[in-house]
Amino acid sequence: MKVLVTGGLGFIGSHTVVALQNDGFEVVIIDNLSNSSEDVLDGIAKITGEKPLFENIDLRDKSSVISFFKRHPDIEGVIHFAAYKAVGESVTDPLAYYENNIGTLVYLLQELQDKKRTNFIFSSSCTVYGQADEMPITENAPVKPAESPYGNTKQVGEEIIKDTCKVKEGLNAISLRYFNPMGAHPSAEIGELPIGVPQNLVPFITQTGVGLRESLSVFGHDYPTADGTCIRDYIHVMDLAKAHVMALKRLLSGENNKNYEVYNLGTGKGSSVLEVIQSYERVSGKKLNYKMVDRRLGDVITAYASTNKANKILGWQAETTLDQAMKSAWDWECKIRNYQEANV
């Protein structure tokens, strides 16, 4: 079966392409390379033995989206990753986020809505919950007012898909609400490669570890947690990728009870910032240079998932430990650092 993966050269997208190809799917990638590299195709090919078809398309160009689906009328599933994702940037440039994250979703759904049957997986986020009232967070937790335009694009995106599914019976969709993806493929052929200053904790840790950053700032040390730092649910990217394959298979086989479903994807366990740093120090054998600074506006205190629904209905669960995930991130960082030094 042919599957379209938008943003398929990005961090989560590329690992999901690997999982799809390893499961026998034919994959077509759309990416505009705004936050990724075409070199990722070689990494995917080294892991799976097959280079997926790639089209350099900006989904904000509606005519390009229309043209793509005319060339590929046999697409049976779409996994939609392509989106901007930096919370801080979304605050300073909200219109760019609404155009890119909402407009492109609408263009895709417009091309899919008249198909007799089509399957759509949406890359959503635990940001829709804000600071949840109870832990662990279930799918029934209330969706709180968004803390940022980025978070709002995920909330609005889910609403757009849900409303479309109400009137288009042939459209079957699942929104997957990620917690905190981290790590890299065990082969170290692909991994997280942020452009500029990392927005996420783990790549900032590994870049500090190899000397690209002078030190890591830990935002807040007086939160009401065991060690005073924020708690998140860190999930290995390949566990996350496998969940997308299982969700897609659920739709393709018609096992879904409704034509719109929502699932949390996490480990079900929270780890504090200091615990993540300690994990890095264990797997690398190095001390990390970090400092405690004031809290950062908009950070929730604690967020970790209830994974019961995904466990029971999708038959999926996270299998990778924090240390294993951290080691894969560290191996990847060391590899790309050595490559860069060798090619200076």
Protein backbone atom coordinates (compact mmCIF):
# COMPACT_ATOMS: atom_id res chain seq x y z
CA MET A 1 0.00 0.00 0.00
CA LYS A 2 1.20 3.50 -0.83
CA VAL A 3 1.42 5.97 2.06
CA LEU A 4 2.18 9.68 1.95
CA VAL A 5 4.32 11.04 4.80
CA THR A 6 4.43 14.84 4.91
CA GLY A 7 7.47 16.23 6.70
CA GLY A 8 8.99 12.79 6.18
CA LEU A 9 12.59 14.01 6.34
CA GLY A 10 12.12 15.56 9.78
CA PHE A 11 12.91 13.96 13.14
CA ILE A 12 9.75 11.92 13.82
CA GLY A 13 8.78 11.68 10.16
CA SER A 14 12.01 10.02 9.04
CA HIS A 15 11.85 7.40 11.79
CA THR A 16 8.23 6.67 10.88
CA VAL A 17 9.23 6.22 7.23
CA VAL A 18 11.74 3.60 8.42
CA ALA A 19 9.06 1.81 10.45
CA LEU A 20 6.63 1.89 7.51
CA GLN A 21 9.17 0.56 5.00
CA ASN A 22 10.28 -2.16 7.40
CA ASP A 23 6.61 -3.19 7.54
CA GLY A 24 6.30 -3.41 3.75
CA PHE A 25 4.60 -0.10 2.94
CA GLU A 26 5.50 1.92 -0.14
CA VAL A 27 6.28 5.44 1.08
CA VAL A 28 6.17 8.79 -0.69
CA ILE A 29 7.67 11.72 1.22
CA ILE A 30 6.71 15.36 0.87
CA ASP A 31 9.07 17.85 2.53
CA ASN A 32 10.09 21.43 1.72
CA LEU A 33 13.46 21.07 3.51
CA SER A 34 12.80 24.15 5.66
CA ASN A 35 13.88 22.25 8.78
CA SER A 36 15.43 19.09 7.36
CA SER A 37 17.97 17.76 4.87
CA GLU A 38 17.68 15.62 1.76
CA ASP A 39 20.67 13.65 3.14
CA VAL A 40 18.19 11.91 5.46
CA LEU A 41 17.04 9.87 2.45
CA ASP A 42 20.45 8.15 2.42
CA GLY A 43 20.13 7.27 6.10
CA ILE A 44 16.68 5.78 5.53
CA ALA A 45 18.02 3.78 2.58
CA LYS A 46 20.95 2.43 4.63
CA ILE A 47 18.57 1.18 7.34
CA THR A 48 15.79 -0.25 5.16
CA GLY A 49 17.61 -1.05 1.91
CA GLU A 50 15.21 1.17 -0.03
CA LYS A 51 15.18 4.90 -0.75
CA PRO A 52 11.62 6.24 -0.60
CA LEU A 53 10.21 8.47 -3.32
CA PHE A 54 10.72 12.11 -2.37
CA GLU A 55 9.02 15.26 -3.68
CA ASN A 56 10.22 18.71 -2.63
CA ILE A 57 6.86 20.42 -2.22
CA ASP A 58 5.73 23.32 -0.04
CA LEU A 59 2.25 22.37 1.14
CA ARG A 60 1.35 26.05 1.48
CA ASP A 61 1.14 26.08 -2.32
CA LYS A 62 -2.36 24.72 -2.93
CA SER A 63 -1.75 24.09 -6.64
CA SER A 64 1.22 21.84 -5.77
CA VAL A 65 -0.95 19.82 -3.38
CA ILE A 66 -3.64 19.37 -6.04
CA SER A 67 -1.03 18.36 -8.61
CA PHE A 68 0.57 15.83 -6.24
CA PHE A 69 -2.67 13.92 -5.66
CA LYS A 70 -3.39 13.88 -9.39
CA ARG A 71 0.00 12.20 -9.90
CA HIS A 72 -0.57 9.80 -6.99
CA PRO A 73 -4.26 8.82 -7.02
CA ASP A 74 -3.43 5.51 -5.33
CA ILE A 75 -2.39 7.00 -1.96
CA GLU A 76 -4.26 4.97 0.67
CA GLY A 77 -3.01 6.67 3.79
CA VAL A 78 -1.54 10.01 4.84
CA ILE A 79 0.59 10.66 7.93
CA HIS A 80 0.83 14.41 8.40
CA PHE A 81 3.92 15.65 10.26
CA ALA A 82 4.74 18.78 8.25
CA ALA A 83 4.43 21.73 10.66
CA TYR A 84 6.41 24.41 12.43
CA LYS A 85 6.99 23.41 16.06
CA ALA A 86 8.98 26.05 18.00
CA VAL A 87 6.81 27.42 20.81
CA GLY A 88 8.82 30.63 21.26
CA GLU A 89 8.91 31.38 17.54
CA SER A 90 5.15 30.88 17.32
CA VAL A 91 4.65 33.62 19.92
CA THR A 92 6.73 36.14 17.94
CA ASP A 93 5.41 35.11 14.49
CA PRO A 94 1.91 33.68 14.98
CA LEU A 95 0.68 34.25 11.42
CA ALA A 96 3.47 32.11 9.97
CA TYR A 97 2.38 29.28 12.28
CA TYR A 98 -1.31 29.62 11.41
CA GLU A 99 -0.56 29.74 7.68
CA ASN A 100 1.80 26.77 7.75
CA ASN A 101 0.19 24.51 10.34
CA ILE A 102 -3.50 25.19 9.61
CA GLY A 103 -3.51 26.13 5.92
CA THR A 104 -1.58 23.05 4.83
CA LEU A 105 -3.88 20.75 6.84
CA VAL A 106 -6.91 22.25 5.12
CA TYR A 107 -5.36 21.81 1.67
CA LEU A 108 -4.60 18.14 2.37
CA LEU A 109 -8.09 17.40 3.69
CA GLN A 110 -9.67 19.13 0.70
CA GLU A 111 -7.88 16.69 -1.60
CA LEU A 112 -8.81 13.67 0.55
CA GLN A 113 -12.43 14.45 1.39
CA ASP A 114 -13.97 13.17 -1.83
CA LYS A 115 -12.13 9.86 -1.92
CA LYS A 116 -14.37 6.85 -1.35
CA ARG A 117 -12.22 5.86 1.62
CA THR A 118 -9.03 7.41 2.91
CA ASN A 119 -6.99 7.23 6.11
CA PHE A 120 -5.33 10.15 7.89
CA ILE A 121 -2.95 10.22 10.87
CA PHE A 122 -2.38 13.62 12.47
CA SER A 123 0.74 14.54 14.41
CA SER A 124 -0.72 16.23 17.50
CA SER A 125 0.75 17.06 20.90
CA CYS A 126 0.22 16.85 24.64
CA THR A 127 0.38 20.66 24.59
CA VAL A 128 -3.39 20.54 24.02
CA TYR A 129 -3.81 19.59 27.70
CA GLY A 130 -1.86 22.54 29.15
CA GLN A 131 -1.26 21.98 32.87
CA ALA A 132 -3.60 19.06 33.36
CA ASP A 133 -5.57 18.76 36.59
CA GLU A 134 -4.65 15.10 37.20
CA MET A 135 -1.76 12.76 36.44
CA PRO A 136 -1.39 10.64 34.45
CA ILE A 137 -3.16 12.51 31.65
CA THR A 138 -5.91 10.55 29.91
CA GLU A 139 -7.48 11.31 26.54
CA ASN A 140 -10.58 12.49 28.43
CA ALA A 141 -8.66 15.29 30.18
CA PRO A 142 -10.03 18.71 29.25
CA VAL A 143 -8.30 20.61 26.47
CA LYS A 144 -7.10 23.82 28.14
CA PRO A 145 -6.65 27.21 26.48
CA ALA A 146 -3.42 27.05 24.47
CA GLU A 147 -0.27 28.56 25.98
CA SER A 148 1.09 29.50 22.53
CA PRO A 149 0.05 29.85 18.88
CA TYR A 150 1.88 26.55 18.23
CA GLY A 151 -0.25 24.78 20.82
CA ASN A 152 -3.34 26.42 19.38
CA THR A 153 -2.55 25.10 15.89
CA LYS A 154 -2.64 21.56 17.30
CA GLN A 155 -5.96 22.18 19.06
CA VAL A 156 -7.51 23.83 15.99
CA GLY A 157 -6.03 21.14 13.74
CA GLU A 158 -7.77 18.43 15.74
CA GLU A 159 -11.05 20.34 15.58
CA ILE A 160 -10.76 20.75 11.80
CA ILE A 161 -10.20 17.00 11.34
CA LYS A 162 -13.03 16.08 13.73
CA ASP A 163 -15.48 18.45 12.01
CA THR A 164 -14.51 17.10 8.57
CA CYS A 165 -14.94 13.50 9.71
CA LYS A 166 -18.49 14.31 10.88
CA VAL A 167 -19.57 15.09 7.33
CA LYS A 168 -17.22 12.85 5.34
CA GLU A 169 -17.86 9.21 6.18
CA GLY A 170 -15.07 7.99 3.91
CA LEU A 171 -12.47 9.95 5.87
CA ASN A 172 -11.02 7.96 8.78
CA ALA A 173 -8.60 9.80 11.06
CA ILE A 174 -6.56 9.38 14.22
CA SER A 175 -4.86 12.18 16.16
CA LEU A 176 -1.79 11.02 18.06
CA ARG A 177 -0.92 13.27 20.99
CA TYR A 178 2.84 12.95 21.58
CA PHE A 179 4.51 13.65 24.85
CA ASN A 180 8.29 14.25 24.56
CA PRO A 181 10.02 12.43 21.69
CA MET A 182 13.77 11.85 22.02
CA GLY A 183 16.61 9.67 20.79
CA ALA A 184 17.63 8.32 17.40
CA HIS A 185 17.52 5.13 15.37
CA PRO A 186 19.81 2.50 17.01
CA SER A 187 21.93 2.43 13.83
CA ALA A 188 22.73 6.15 14.26
CA GLU A 189 21.95 6.58 10.56
CA ILE A 190 19.15 9.07 11.31
CA GLY A 191 18.31 11.16 14.36
CA GLU A 192 17.28 14.58 15.62
CA LEU A 193 19.13 17.34 13.79
CA PRO A 194 17.79 20.72 14.90
CA ILE A 195 18.71 23.74 12.81
CA GLY A 196 20.08 26.51 15.03
CA VAL A 197 19.63 26.43 18.81
CA PRO A 198 17.72 23.30 19.91
CA GLN A 199 14.21 23.86 21.25
CA ASN A 200 14.12 20.52 23.07
CA LEU A 201 15.97 19.38 26.18
CA VAL A 202 17.74 16.23 24.92
CA PRO A 203 19.54 17.68 21.86
CA PHE A 204 20.60 20.64 24.00
CA ILE A 205 22.07 18.18 26.50
CA THR A 206 23.96 16.21 23.84
CA GLN A 207 25.19 19.35 22.08
CA THR A 208 26.48 20.61 25.43
CA GLY A 209 28.10 17.23 25.99
CA VAL A 210 30.10 17.42 22.74
CA GLY A 211 31.06 21.04 23.33
CA LEU A 212 28.78 22.81 20.85
CA ARG A 213 27.08 24.62 23.75
CA GLU A 214 28.88 26.06 26.75
CA SER A 215 26.27 24.94 29.28
CA LEU A 216 22.67 23.88 29.70
CA SER A 217 20.22 26.16 31.50
CA VAL A 218 17.71 24.35 33.70
CA PHE A 219 14.66 26.60 33.84
CA GLY A 220 13.37 26.58 37.41
CA HIS A 221 14.52 24.64 40.45
CA ASP A 222 11.68 25.49 42.84
CA TYR A 223 8.76 23.62 41.28
CA PRO A 224 6.65 21.40 43.58
CA THR A 225 8.40 18.20 42.43
CA ALA A 226 10.83 15.85 44.17
CA ASP A 227 13.95 17.67 42.91
CA GLY A 228 12.37 21.03 42.06
CA THR A 229 12.57 20.66 38.26
CA CYS A 230 9.82 20.11 35.69
CA ILE A 231 8.63 16.59 34.88
CA ARG A 232 7.91 15.29 31.37
CA ASP A 233 7.22 11.96 29.68
CA TYR A 234 10.18 11.15 27.38
CA ILE A 235 9.43 8.59 24.67
CA HIS A 236 11.93 7.06 22.26
CA VAL A 237 11.30 8.13 18.68
CA MET A 238 11.22 4.56 17.31
CA ASP A 239 8.54 3.58 19.83
CA LEU A 240 6.62 6.62 18.61
CA ALA A 241 7.19 5.65 14.97
CA LYS A 242 5.84 2.14 15.52
CA ALA A 243 2.67 3.60 17.01
CA HIS A 244 2.00 5.42 13.74
CA VAL A 245 2.23 2.17 11.81
CA MET A 246 -0.17 0.46 14.21
CA ALA A 247 -2.62 3.37 14.08
CA LEU A 248 -2.53 3.36 10.27
CA LYS A 249 -3.11 -0.40 10.17
CA ARG A 250 -6.12 0.04 12.45
CA LEU A 251 -7.69 2.40 9.92
CA LEU A 252 -6.68 0.39 6.86
CA SER A 253 -8.25 -2.76 8.30
CA GLY A 254 -11.44 -0.94 9.29
CA GLU A 255 -11.05 -1.84 12.96
CA ASN A 256 -11.76 1.71 14.15
CA ASN A 257 -15.05 2.14 16.02
CA LYS A 258 -15.47 5.76 14.94
CA ASN A 259 -14.04 7.62 11.98
CA TYR A 260 -12.16 9.96 14.34
CA GLU A 261 -10.11 8.72 17.30
CA VAL A 262 -7.49 10.19 19.65
CA TYR A 263 -4.61 8.46 21.45
CA ASN A 264 -1.87 9.57 23.84
CA LEU A 265 1.65 8.38 23.04
CA GLY A 266 4.08 8.35 25.95
CA THR A 267 5.72 5.94 28.36
CA GLY A 268 3.32 6.55 31.23
CA LYS A 269 6.23 7.63 33.42
CA GLY A 270 7.47 11.12 34.21
CA SER A 271 11.15 12.08 34.43
CA SER A 272 12.45 15.36 35.82
CA VAL A 273 14.97 17.54 34.01
CA LEU A 274 17.63 16.52 36.52
CA GLU A 275 16.81 12.84 36.03
CA VAL A 276 17.29 13.27 32.27
CA ILE A 277 20.64 14.94 32.90
CA GLN A 278 21.64 12.07 35.20
CA SER A 279 20.67 9.60 32.46
CA TYR A 280 22.99 11.41 30.05
CA GLU A 281 25.83 11.28 32.59
CA ARG A 282 25.32 7.54 33.07
CA VAL A 283 25.35 6.61 29.38
CA SER A 284 28.12 9.00 28.34
CA GLY A 285 30.35 8.66 31.38
CA LYS A 286 30.71 12.46 31.37
CA LYS A 287 29.57 15.21 33.70
CA LEU A 288 27.29 17.77 32.08
CA ASN A 289 27.91 21.47 32.55
CA TYR A 290 24.55 22.92 33.59
CA LYS A 291 23.23 25.77 35.70
CA MET A 292 19.97 26.53 37.44
CA VAL A 293 18.16 29.65 36.20
CA ASP A 294 14.75 31.25 36.69
CA ARG A 295 11.57 29.61 35.50
CA ARG A 296 10.54 30.04 31.87
CA LEU A 297 7.15 31.54 31.08
CA GLY A 298 4.59 29.00 29.88
CA ASP A 299 6.25 25.83 31.16
CA VAL A 300 3.83 23.42 32.83
CA ILE A 301 5.05 21.73 36.01
CA THR A 302 4.27 18.09 35.29
CA ALA A 303 2.97 16.20 32.26
CA TYR A 304 3.01 12.47 31.70
CA ALA A 305 0.65 10.21 29.82
CA SER A 306 -1.85 7.56 30.63
CA THR A 307 -1.12 5.07 27.85
CA ASN A 308 -3.90 2.61 28.71
CA LYS A 309 -6.01 3.44 25.65
CA ALA A 310 -3.14 3.00 23.17
CA ASN A 311 -2.00 -0.15 25.01
CA LYS A 312 -5.44 -1.79 24.89
CA ILE A 313 -6.87 -0.62 21.58
CA LEU A 314 -3.81 -0.19 19.36
CA GLY A 315 -1.92 -3.01 21.04
CA TRP A 316 1.05 -0.67 21.37
CA GLN A 317 3.35 0.20 24.22
CA ALA A 318 6.66 2.00 24.64
CA GLU A 319 9.50 -0.50 25.13
CA THR A 320 12.63 1.66 25.36
CA THR A 321 14.02 2.86 28.70
CA LEU A 322 15.15 6.42 29.31
CA ASP A 323 18.82 5.32 29.39
CA GLN A 324 18.47 3.37 26.13
CA ALA A 325 16.82 6.34 24.45
CA MET A 326 19.49 8.69 25.80
CA LYS A 327 22.29 6.42 24.59
CA SER A 328 20.84 6.45 21.07
CA ALA A 329 20.71 10.27 21.19
CA TRP A 330 24.31 10.43 22.41
CA ASP A 331 25.57 7.95 19.78
CA TRP A 332 23.87 10.04 17.07
CA GLU A 333 25.33 13.30 18.41
CA CYS A 334 28.84 11.83 18.51
CA LYS A 335 28.49 10.50 14.97
CA ILE A 336 27.35 13.78 13.41
CA ARG A 337 29.95 15.72 15.42
CA ASN A 338 32.72 13.45 14.13
CA TYR A 339 31.36 13.76 10.58
CA GLN A 340 31.30 17.54 10.78
CA GLU A 341 34.85 17.70 12.16
CA ALA A 342 36.11 15.38 9.43
CA ASN A 343 34.58 17.59 6.74
CA VAL A 344 35.69 21.00 8.03
